[in-house]
Amino acid sequence: MASVLFVCLGNICRSPMAEGAFRRAAAQAGLDGLEIASAGTGDWHVGNPPDPRAQTTARRHGVDISGQRAAQVRANDFHRFDHILAMDAANLAALERLRPAGAQAELRLFLDYAGGAGTGEVPDPYYGGDGGFDHVWSLVSAAADGLVAHLKQTARAGA
């Protein structure tokens, strides 16, 4: 099965929420054996749990992300994961700069999987109010469902 890494800047808001939404969508779809994680391009929050507002938002949707801890993207992630999905163009550009030669991971924006649900980027809710976290949840949930559909289609095509 596939492996997926969700990436934002500090790994305490958007990418932990994306990881949680995708874990739920994958479990509901019966996708087993996936390796799922999240990380940040920055190192400011390494080892910290997700922002309390992100945890509260996820919990309201039946997803517990409190056990996640922020990590920073490492060179071996580009070999370890099949899909590395950035929350915005700036982090996608950072990933492209960090990508080691010969790495096979597919780099994309996560909202590429959301159909018409988003504008291409997941906005950073960190400096805003609680409503921003709700908006992020709706975007990452839509993209999670789209990614699940893509992975199921890919698995059927490869079978």
C-alpha atoms as a PDB file:
ATOM      1  CA  MET A   1       0.000   0.000   0.000  1.00  0.00           C
ATOM      2  CA  ALA A   2       0.918   3.632  -0.334  1.00  0.00           C
ATOM      3  CA  SER A   3       2.656   5.932   2.103  1.00  0.00           C
ATOM      4  CA  VAL A   4       1.632   9.568   2.526  1.00  0.00           C
ATOM      5  CA  LEU A   5       3.308  12.515   4.247  1.00  0.00           C
ATOM      6  CA  PHE A   6       1.347  15.747   4.799  1.00  0.00           C
ATOM      7  CA  VAL A   7       3.468  18.905   5.040  1.00  0.00           C
ATOM      8  CA  CYS A   8       2.903  22.464   6.230  1.00  0.00           C
ATOM      9  CA  LEU A   9       5.229  25.024   7.783  1.00  0.00           C
ATOM     10  CA  GLY A  10       5.331  24.155  11.492  1.00  0.00           C
ATOM     11  CA  ASN A  11       3.377  20.865  11.622  1.00  0.00           C
ATOM     12  CA  ILE A  12       0.989  22.005  14.373  1.00  0.00           C
ATOM     13  CA  CYS A  13      -2.133  23.109  12.454  1.00  0.00           C
ATOM     14  CA  ARG A  14      -2.775  22.177   8.843  1.00  0.00           C
ATOM     15  CA  SER A  15      -0.744  19.018   8.321  1.00  0.00           C
ATOM     16  CA  PRO A  16      -1.814  17.343  11.606  1.00  0.00           C
ATOM     17  CA  MET A  17      -5.426  18.070  10.694  1.00  0.00           C
ATOM     18  CA  ALA A  18      -4.826  16.678   7.187  1.00  0.00           C
ATOM     19  CA  GLU A  19      -3.223  13.569   8.671  1.00  0.00           C
ATOM     20  CA  GLY A  20      -6.176  13.063  11.003  1.00  0.00           C
ATOM     21  CA  ALA A  21      -8.781  13.625   8.290  1.00  0.00           C
ATOM     22  CA  PHE A  22      -6.983  11.243   5.955  1.00  0.00           C
ATOM     23  CA  ARG A  23      -6.569   8.544   8.618  1.00  0.00           C
ATOM     24  CA  ARG A  24     -10.323   8.677   9.219  1.00  0.00           C
ATOM     25  CA  ALA A  25     -11.195   8.652   5.495  1.00  0.00           C
ATOM     26  CA  ALA A  26      -8.809   5.768   4.810  1.00  0.00           C
ATOM     27  CA  ALA A  27     -10.189   3.725   7.720  1.00  0.00           C
ATOM     28  CA  GLN A  28     -13.776   4.353   6.623  1.00  0.00           C
ATOM     29  CA  ALA A  29     -12.856   3.215   3.100  1.00  0.00           C
ATOM     30  CA  GLY A  30     -11.160   0.068   4.392  1.00  0.00           C
ATOM     31  CA  LEU A  31      -7.704   1.071   3.160  1.00  0.00           C
ATOM     32  CA  ASP A  32      -5.316  -0.884   5.349  1.00  0.00           C
ATOM     33  CA  GLY A  33      -1.544  -0.908   5.547  1.00  0.00           C
ATOM     34  CA  LEU A  34      -1.015   2.746   4.702  1.00  0.00           C
ATOM     35  CA  GLU A  35       1.881   4.611   6.260  1.00  0.00           C
ATOM     36  CA  ILE A  36       0.563   8.071   7.167  1.00  0.00           C
ATOM     37  CA  ALA A  37       2.459  10.922   8.824  1.00  0.00           C
ATOM     38  CA  SER A  38       2.859  14.680   8.836  1.00  0.00           C
ATOM     39  CA  ALA A  39       5.799  17.053   9.124  1.00  0.00           C
ATOM     40  CA  GLY A  40       6.785  20.671   8.738  1.00  0.00           C
ATOM     41  CA  THR A  41       9.388  22.366   6.611  1.00  0.00           C
ATOM     42  CA  GLY A  42      10.347  24.421   9.688  1.00  0.00           C
ATOM     43  CA  ASP A  43      11.683  23.149  13.001  1.00  0.00           C
ATOM     44  CA  TRP A  44      10.103  25.599  15.486  1.00  0.00           C
ATOM     45  CA  HIS A  45       7.589  23.155  16.964  1.00  0.00           C
ATOM     46  CA  VAL A  46       9.405  19.785  16.733  1.00  0.00           C
ATOM     47  CA  GLY A  47       8.145  17.508  19.509  1.00  0.00           C
ATOM     48  CA  ASN A  48       5.085  19.630  20.315  1.00  0.00           C
ATOM     49  CA  PRO A  49       1.481  18.436  20.007  1.00  0.00           C
ATOM     50  CA  PRO A  50      -0.864  20.065  17.495  1.00  0.00           C
ATOM     51  CA  ASP A  51      -2.224  23.528  18.276  1.00  0.00           C
ATOM     52  CA  PRO A  52      -5.090  23.212  20.800  1.00  0.00           C
ATOM     53  CA  ARG A  53      -7.471  24.824  18.281  1.00  0.00           C
ATOM     54  CA  ALA A  54      -6.561  22.173  15.698  1.00  0.00           C
ATOM     55  CA  GLN A  55      -7.134  19.439  18.284  1.00  0.00           C
ATOM     56  CA  THR A  56     -10.511  20.894  19.267  1.00  0.00           C
ATOM     57  CA  THR A  57     -11.624  21.181  15.651  1.00  0.00           C
ATOM     58  CA  ALA A  58     -10.585  17.618  14.816  1.00  0.00           C
ATOM     59  CA  ARG A  59     -12.210  16.308  18.004  1.00  0.00           C
ATOM     60  CA  ARG A  60     -15.506  17.992  17.033  1.00  0.00           C
ATOM     61  CA  HIS A  61     -15.372  15.859  13.891  1.00  0.00           C
ATOM     62  CA  GLY A  62     -14.642  12.659  15.792  1.00  0.00           C
ATOM     63  CA  VAL A  63     -10.881  12.596  15.182  1.00  0.00           C
ATOM     64  CA  ASP A  64      -8.273  12.607  17.951  1.00  0.00           C
ATOM     65  CA  ILE A  65      -4.965  14.166  16.840  1.00  0.00           C
ATOM     66  CA  SER A  66      -3.689  14.843  20.370  1.00  0.00           C
ATOM     67  CA  GLY A  67      -1.099  12.061  20.179  1.00  0.00           C
ATOM     68  CA  GLN A  68       0.653  13.530  17.151  1.00  0.00           C
ATOM     69  CA  ARG A  69       3.955  15.341  17.658  1.00  0.00           C
ATOM     70  CA  ALA A  70       5.477  17.862  15.283  1.00  0.00           C
ATOM     71  CA  ALA A  71       8.377  16.672  13.155  1.00  0.00           C
ATOM     72  CA  GLN A  72      10.503  18.292  10.494  1.00  0.00           C
ATOM     73  CA  VAL A  73      10.805  16.955   6.949  1.00  0.00           C
ATOM     74  CA  ARG A  74      14.027  14.977   6.504  1.00  0.00           C
ATOM     75  CA  ALA A  75      15.891  13.888   3.390  1.00  0.00           C
ATOM     76  CA  ASN A  76      14.963  10.229   3.917  1.00  0.00           C
ATOM     77  CA  ASP A  77      11.249  11.159   3.814  1.00  0.00           C
ATOM     78  CA  PHE A  78      11.600  11.628   0.055  1.00  0.00           C
ATOM     79  CA  HIS A  79      12.567   7.950  -0.222  1.00  0.00           C
ATOM     80  CA  ARG A  80      10.271   6.670   2.543  1.00  0.00           C
ATOM     81  CA  PHE A  81       6.970   8.166   1.289  1.00  0.00           C
ATOM     82  CA  ASP A  82       5.241   7.661  -2.064  1.00  0.00           C
ATOM     83  CA  HIS A  83       3.216  10.870  -1.802  1.00  0.00           C
ATOM     84  CA  ILE A  84       4.381  14.084  -0.108  1.00  0.00           C
ATOM     85  CA  LEU A  85       1.499  16.540  -0.064  1.00  0.00           C
ATOM     86  CA  ALA A  86       2.051  20.209   0.729  1.00  0.00           C
ATOM     87  CA  MET A  87      -0.606  22.483   2.150  1.00  0.00           C
ATOM     88  CA  ASP A  88       0.484  25.492   0.080  1.00  0.00           C
ATOM     89  CA  ALA A  89       2.740  26.586  -2.772  1.00  0.00           C
ATOM     90  CA  ALA A  90       5.475  27.973  -0.494  1.00  0.00           C
ATOM     91  CA  ASN A  91       5.866  24.624   1.272  1.00  0.00           C
ATOM     92  CA  LEU A  92       5.711  22.779  -2.054  1.00  0.00           C
ATOM     93  CA  ALA A  93       8.576  24.974  -3.318  1.00  0.00           C
ATOM     94  CA  ALA A  94      10.526  24.279  -0.108  1.00  0.00           C
ATOM     95  CA  LEU A  95       9.993  20.539  -0.593  1.00  0.00           C
ATOM     96  CA  GLU A  96      11.213  20.762  -4.168  1.00  0.00           C
ATOM     97  CA  ARG A  97      14.404  22.473  -2.939  1.00  0.00           C
ATOM     98  CA  LEU A  98      14.894  19.855  -0.197  1.00  0.00           C
ATOM     99  CA  ARG A  99      14.243  16.863  -2.460  1.00  0.00           C
ATOM    100  CA  PRO A 100      17.405  14.760  -2.831  1.00  0.00           C
ATOM    101  CA  ALA A 101      18.528  13.582  -6.245  1.00  0.00           C
ATOM    102  CA  GLY A 102      16.958  10.278  -7.196  1.00  0.00           C
ATOM    103  CA  ALA A 103      14.033  10.552  -4.781  1.00  0.00           C
ATOM    104  CA  GLN A 104      10.857   9.045  -6.213  1.00  0.00           C
ATOM    105  CA  ALA A 105       8.212  10.637  -3.968  1.00  0.00           C
ATOM    106  CA  GLU A 106       5.420  12.430  -5.780  1.00  0.00           C
ATOM    107  CA  LEU A 107       5.218  16.067  -4.633  1.00  0.00           C
ATOM    108  CA  ARG A 108       1.847  17.813  -4.983  1.00  0.00           C
ATOM    109  CA  LEU A 109      -0.497  20.212  -3.303  1.00  0.00           C
ATOM    110  CA  PHE A 110      -2.931  18.314  -1.078  1.00  0.00           C
ATOM    111  CA  LEU A 111      -5.909  20.270  -2.401  1.00  0.00           C
ATOM    112  CA  ASP A 112      -5.205  18.860  -5.872  1.00  0.00           C
ATOM    113  CA  TYR A 113      -7.339  15.982  -4.556  1.00  0.00           C
ATOM    114  CA  ALA A 114     -10.219  18.180  -3.333  1.00  0.00           C
ATOM    115  CA  GLY A 115     -11.962  18.639  -6.657  1.00  0.00           C
ATOM    116  CA  GLY A 116     -13.623  22.052  -6.609  1.00  0.00           C
ATOM    117  CA  ALA A 117     -13.592  22.371  -2.809  1.00  0.00           C
ATOM    118  CA  GLY A 118     -10.585  24.641  -2.561  1.00  0.00           C
ATOM    119  CA  THR A 119      -8.458  27.276  -4.181  1.00  0.00           C
ATOM    120  CA  GLY A 120      -5.359  25.104  -4.421  1.00  0.00           C
ATOM    121  CA  GLU A 121      -3.903  26.020  -1.041  1.00  0.00           C
ATOM    122  CA  VAL A 122      -4.912  25.292   2.527  1.00  0.00           C
ATOM    123  CA  PRO A 123      -4.747  28.663   4.326  1.00  0.00           C
ATOM    124  CA  ASP A 124      -2.736  28.849   7.543  1.00  0.00           C
ATOM    125  CA  PRO A 125      -5.221  29.390  10.407  1.00  0.00           C
ATOM    126  CA  TYR A 126      -2.555  29.953  13.086  1.00  0.00           C
ATOM    127  CA  TYR A 127      -2.913  33.736  13.444  1.00  0.00           C
ATOM    128  CA  GLY A 128      -6.679  33.830  12.946  1.00  0.00           C
ATOM    129  CA  GLY A 129      -9.701  32.800  14.940  1.00  0.00           C
ATOM    130  CA  ASP A 130     -11.380  29.454  15.432  1.00  0.00           C
ATOM    131  CA  GLY A 131     -13.333  29.839  12.193  1.00  0.00           C
ATOM    132  CA  GLY A 132     -10.119  29.443  10.237  1.00  0.00           C
ATOM    133  CA  PHE A 133      -9.600  25.996  11.740  1.00  0.00           C
ATOM    134  CA  ASP A 134     -13.136  24.975  10.750  1.00  0.00           C
ATOM    135  CA  HIS A 135     -12.441  26.127   7.188  1.00  0.00           C
ATOM    136  CA  VAL A 136      -9.178  24.184   7.115  1.00  0.00           C
ATOM    137  CA  TRP A 137     -10.983  21.078   8.374  1.00  0.00           C
ATOM    138  CA  SER A 138     -13.536  21.295   5.567  1.00  0.00           C
ATOM    139  CA  LEU A 139     -10.760  21.629   2.970  1.00  0.00           C
ATOM    140  CA  VAL A 140      -8.551  18.819   4.277  1.00  0.00           C
ATOM    141  CA  SER A 141     -11.563  16.529   4.699  1.00  0.00           C
ATOM    142  CA  ALA A 142     -12.571  17.045   1.075  1.00  0.00           C
ATOM    143  CA  ALA A 143      -9.001  16.443  -0.083  1.00  0.00           C
ATOM    144  CA  ALA A 144      -8.715  13.360   2.153  1.00  0.00           C
ATOM    145  CA  ASP A 145     -11.801  11.862   0.521  1.00  0.00           C
ATOM    146  CA  GLY A 146     -10.389  12.655  -2.912  1.00  0.00           C
ATOM    147  CA  LEU A 147      -7.026  11.119  -2.064  1.00  0.00           C
ATOM    148  CA  VAL A 148      -8.731   7.962  -0.799  1.00  0.00           C
ATOM    149  CA  ALA A 149     -10.661   7.695  -4.078  1.00  0.00           C
ATOM    150  CA  HIS A 150      -7.418   8.203  -6.029  1.00  0.00           C
ATOM    151  CA  LEU A 151      -5.567   5.532  -4.053  1.00  0.00           C
ATOM    152  CA  LYS A 152      -8.426   3.052  -4.433  1.00  0.00           C
ATOM    153  CA  GLN A 153      -8.529   3.690  -8.183  1.00  0.00           C
ATOM    154  CA  THR A 154      -4.747   3.306  -8.422  1.00  0.00           C
ATOM    155  CA  ALA A 155      -4.890   0.040  -6.453  1.00  0.00           C
ATOM    156  CA  ARG A 156      -7.633  -1.327  -8.737  1.00  0.00           C
ATOM    157  CA  ALA A 157      -5.653  -0.346 -11.842  1.00  0.00           C
ATOM    158  CA  GLY A 158      -2.535  -2.049 -10.492  1.00  0.00           C
ATOM    159  CA  ALA A 159      -4.368  -5.248  -9.507  1.00  0.00           C
END
